[in-house]
C-alpha atoms as a PDB file:
ATOM      1  CA  MET A   1    -102.667 -12.615  21.640  1.00  0.00           C
ATOM      2  CA  SER A   2     -99.521 -10.605  22.012  1.00  0.00           C
ATOM      3  CA  GLY A   3    -101.209  -7.238  21.633  1.00  0.00           C
ATOM      4  CA  ARG A   4     -99.540  -6.524  18.314  1.00  0.00           C
ATOM      5  CA  SER A   5    -101.485  -5.375  15.312  1.00  0.00           C
ATOM      6  CA  THR A   6    -101.723  -7.847  12.449  1.00  0.00           C
ATOM      7  CA  GLN A   7    -102.028  -5.077   9.893  1.00  0.00           C
ATOM      8  CA  GLY A   8     -99.036  -3.904   7.878  1.00  0.00           C
ATOM      9  CA  PRO A   9     -97.583  -0.416   8.082  1.00  0.00           C
ATOM     10  CA  LYS A  10    -100.020   2.334   7.212  1.00  0.00           C
ATOM     11  CA  SER A  11     -99.388   4.980   4.588  1.00  0.00           C
ATOM     12  CA  PRO A  12     -98.394   8.349   6.043  1.00  0.00           C
ATOM     13  CA  THR A  13    -101.176  10.890   6.171  1.00  0.00           C
ATOM     14  CA  ILE A  14    -101.151  14.649   6.133  1.00  0.00           C
ATOM     15  CA  ARG A  15    -103.736  17.031   7.485  1.00  0.00           C
ATOM     16  CA  GLY A  16    -105.369  19.237   4.904  1.00  0.00           C
ATOM     17  CA  HIS A  17    -107.703  22.162   5.252  1.00  0.00           C
ATOM     18  CA  PHE A  18    -110.515  21.828   7.759  1.00  0.00           C
ATOM     19  CA  GLY A  19    -109.025  18.741   9.392  1.00  0.00           C
ATOM     20  CA  LYS A  20    -109.398  16.464   6.380  1.00  0.00           C
ATOM     21  CA  SER A  21    -106.601  13.956   5.987  1.00  0.00           C
ATOM     22  CA  SER A  22    -105.264  12.558   2.763  1.00  0.00           C
ATOM     23  CA  THR A  23    -102.997   9.600   2.144  1.00  0.00           C
ATOM     24  CA  LEU A  24     -99.610  10.187   0.544  1.00  0.00           C
ATOM     25  CA  ARG A  25     -99.121   7.956  -2.458  1.00  0.00           C
ATOM     26  CA  PRO A  26     -95.762   7.103  -3.989  1.00  0.00           C
ATOM     27  CA  TYR A  27     -95.238   8.568  -7.447  1.00  0.00           C
ATOM     28  CA  PRO A  28     -93.429   7.040 -10.400  1.00  0.00           C
ATOM     29  CA  LEU A  29     -89.753   8.027 -10.639  1.00  0.00           C
ATOM     30  CA  GLU A  30     -90.292  10.282 -13.676  1.00  0.00           C
ATOM     31  CA  MET A  31     -92.959  12.277 -11.887  1.00  0.00           C
ATOM     32  CA  ALA A  32     -90.810  12.620  -8.776  1.00  0.00           C
ATOM     33  CA  GLN A  33     -87.884  13.959 -10.840  1.00  0.00           C
ATOM     34  CA  SER A  34     -89.966  16.549 -12.656  1.00  0.00           C
ATOM     35  CA  ASP A  35     -91.528  17.435  -9.322  1.00  0.00           C
ATOM     36  CA  ASP A  36     -88.038  17.987  -7.844  1.00  0.00           C
ATOM     37  CA  LYS A  37     -87.076  20.190 -10.774  1.00  0.00           C
ATOM     38  CA  ALA A  38     -90.215  22.307 -10.372  1.00  0.00           C
ATOM     39  CA  ARG A  39     -89.634  22.521  -6.614  1.00  0.00           C
ATOM     40  CA  ILE A  40     -86.085  23.785  -7.150  1.00  0.00           C
ATOM     41  CA  PHE A  41     -87.269  26.338  -9.718  1.00  0.00           C
ATOM     42  CA  ARG A  42     -90.054  27.643  -7.446  1.00  0.00           C
ATOM     43  CA  ARG A  43     -87.794  27.770  -4.404  1.00  0.00           C
ATOM     44  CA  TYR A  44     -85.068  29.818  -6.054  1.00  0.00           C
ATOM     45  CA  THR A  45     -87.469  32.075  -7.917  1.00  0.00           C
ATOM     46  CA  LYS A  46     -88.953  33.009  -4.545  1.00  0.00           C
ATOM     47  CA  ALA A  47     -85.498  33.406  -3.007  1.00  0.00           C
ATOM     48  CA  TYR A  48     -84.234  35.768  -5.717  1.00  0.00           C
ATOM     49  CA  LEU A  49     -87.461  37.782  -5.656  1.00  0.00           C
ATOM     50  CA  SER A  50     -87.145  38.088  -1.883  1.00  0.00           C
ATOM     51  CA  ALA A  51     -83.563  39.331  -2.201  1.00  0.00           C
ATOM     52  CA  VAL A  52     -84.667  41.923  -4.764  1.00  0.00           C
ATOM     53  CA  GLY A  53     -87.461  42.877  -2.367  1.00  0.00           C
ATOM     54  CA  VAL A  54     -84.968  43.466   0.447  1.00  0.00           C
ATOM     55  CA  ALA A  55     -82.910  45.804  -1.730  1.00  0.00           C
ATOM     56  CA  GLY A  56     -86.089  47.455  -3.017  1.00  0.00           C
ATOM     57  CA  ALA A  57     -87.353  48.039   0.517  1.00  0.00           C
ATOM     58  CA  PHE A  58     -84.141  49.874   1.444  1.00  0.00           C
ATOM     59  CA  VAL A  59     -84.359  52.039  -1.681  1.00  0.00           C
ATOM     60  CA  LEU A  60     -88.062  52.721  -1.054  1.00  0.00           C
ATOM     61  CA  VAL A  61     -87.492  53.842   2.538  1.00  0.00           C
ATOM     62  CA  SER A  62     -84.573  55.995   1.456  1.00  0.00           C
ATOM     63  CA  GLU A  63     -86.655  57.628  -1.287  1.00  0.00           C
ATOM     64  CA  MET A  64     -89.618  58.203   1.017  1.00  0.00           C
ATOM     65  CA  ARG A  65     -87.400  60.042   3.482  1.00  0.00           C
ATOM     66  CA  GLY A  66     -86.215  62.287   0.663  1.00  0.00           C
ATOM     67  CA  ALA A  67     -82.583  61.139   0.752  1.00  0.00           C
ATOM     68  CA  GLY A  68     -82.561  59.621  -2.753  1.00  0.00           C
ATOM     69  CA  TRP A  69     -81.305  56.191  -3.655  1.00  0.00           C
ATOM     70  CA  ARG A  70     -77.622  56.734  -2.817  1.00  0.00           C
ATOM     71  CA  PRO A  71     -77.897  56.051   0.954  1.00  0.00           C
ATOM     72  CA  ALA A  72     -79.356  52.644   0.066  1.00  0.00           C
ATOM     73  CA  LEU A  73     -75.975  51.778  -1.468  1.00  0.00           C
ATOM     74  CA  ALA A  74     -74.671  51.338   2.084  1.00  0.00           C
ATOM     75  CA  GLY A  75     -76.489  47.991   2.102  1.00  0.00           C
ATOM     76  CA  THR A  76     -74.577  46.702  -0.930  1.00  0.00           C
ATOM     77  CA  PRO A  77     -72.536  44.178   1.113  1.00  0.00           C
ATOM     78  CA  LEU A  78     -75.805  42.760   2.464  1.00  0.00           C
ATOM     79  CA  TYR A  79     -77.350  42.530  -1.009  1.00  0.00           C
ATOM     80  CA  ALA A  80     -74.231  40.869  -2.422  1.00  0.00           C
ATOM     81  CA  THR A  81     -74.126  38.381   0.461  1.00  0.00           C
ATOM     82  CA  LEU A  82     -77.786  37.481  -0.066  1.00  0.00           C
ATOM     83  CA  PHE A  83     -77.358  36.954  -3.811  1.00  0.00           C
ATOM     84  CA  LEU A  84     -74.149  34.958  -3.393  1.00  0.00           C
ATOM     85  CA  GLY A  85     -75.700  32.785  -0.692  1.00  0.00           C
ATOM     86  CA  ILE A  86     -78.765  32.067  -2.801  1.00  0.00           C
ATOM     87  CA  THR A  87     -76.638  31.307  -5.859  1.00  0.00           C
ATOM     88  CA  TYR A  88     -74.365  28.987  -3.849  1.00  0.00           C
ATOM     89  CA  GLN A  89     -77.366  27.006  -2.595  1.00  0.00           C
ATOM     90  CA  LEU A  90     -78.837  26.900  -6.112  1.00  0.00           C
ATOM     91  CA  VAL A  91     -75.625  25.428  -7.528  1.00  0.00           C
ATOM     92  CA  LYS A  92     -75.528  22.841  -4.723  1.00  0.00           C
ATOM     93  CA  ASP A  93     -79.147  21.815  -5.315  1.00  0.00           C
ATOM     94  CA  VAL A  94     -78.745  21.602  -9.093  1.00  0.00           C
ATOM     95  CA  ARG A  95     -75.637  19.432  -8.725  1.00  0.00           C
ATOM     96  CA  GLN A  96     -77.443  17.173  -6.273  1.00  0.00           C
ATOM     97  CA  TYR A  97     -80.432  16.936  -8.632  1.00  0.00           C
ATOM     98  CA  LYS A  98     -78.191  16.006 -11.577  1.00  0.00           C
ATOM     99  CA  ARG A  99     -76.325  13.443  -9.476  1.00  0.00           C
ATOM    100  CA  LYS A 100     -79.626  11.881  -8.395  1.00  0.00           C
ATOM    101  CA  ARG A 101     -80.847  11.647 -11.980  1.00  0.00           C
END
């Protein structure tokens, strides 16, 4: 015996809650595409909500200190950079998704 295993390659496993492992199974192409579309939608929904949260946090702190919302306008370049960066990545991902389809 050469010490090699006679079994074929095993399916990759992931660890779930409480140490349980589950086997990853390949999905049909249609399911993978709709899964990619949902993943993109969820990812960018979270990203845009996070960017709104950043701007909202600045306004909230400014309001709580009694300065009003105008001092929060100083962060406008940051807000614009966040939104433009998120939008740029979204366009790249959508183009890649369409190309893959």
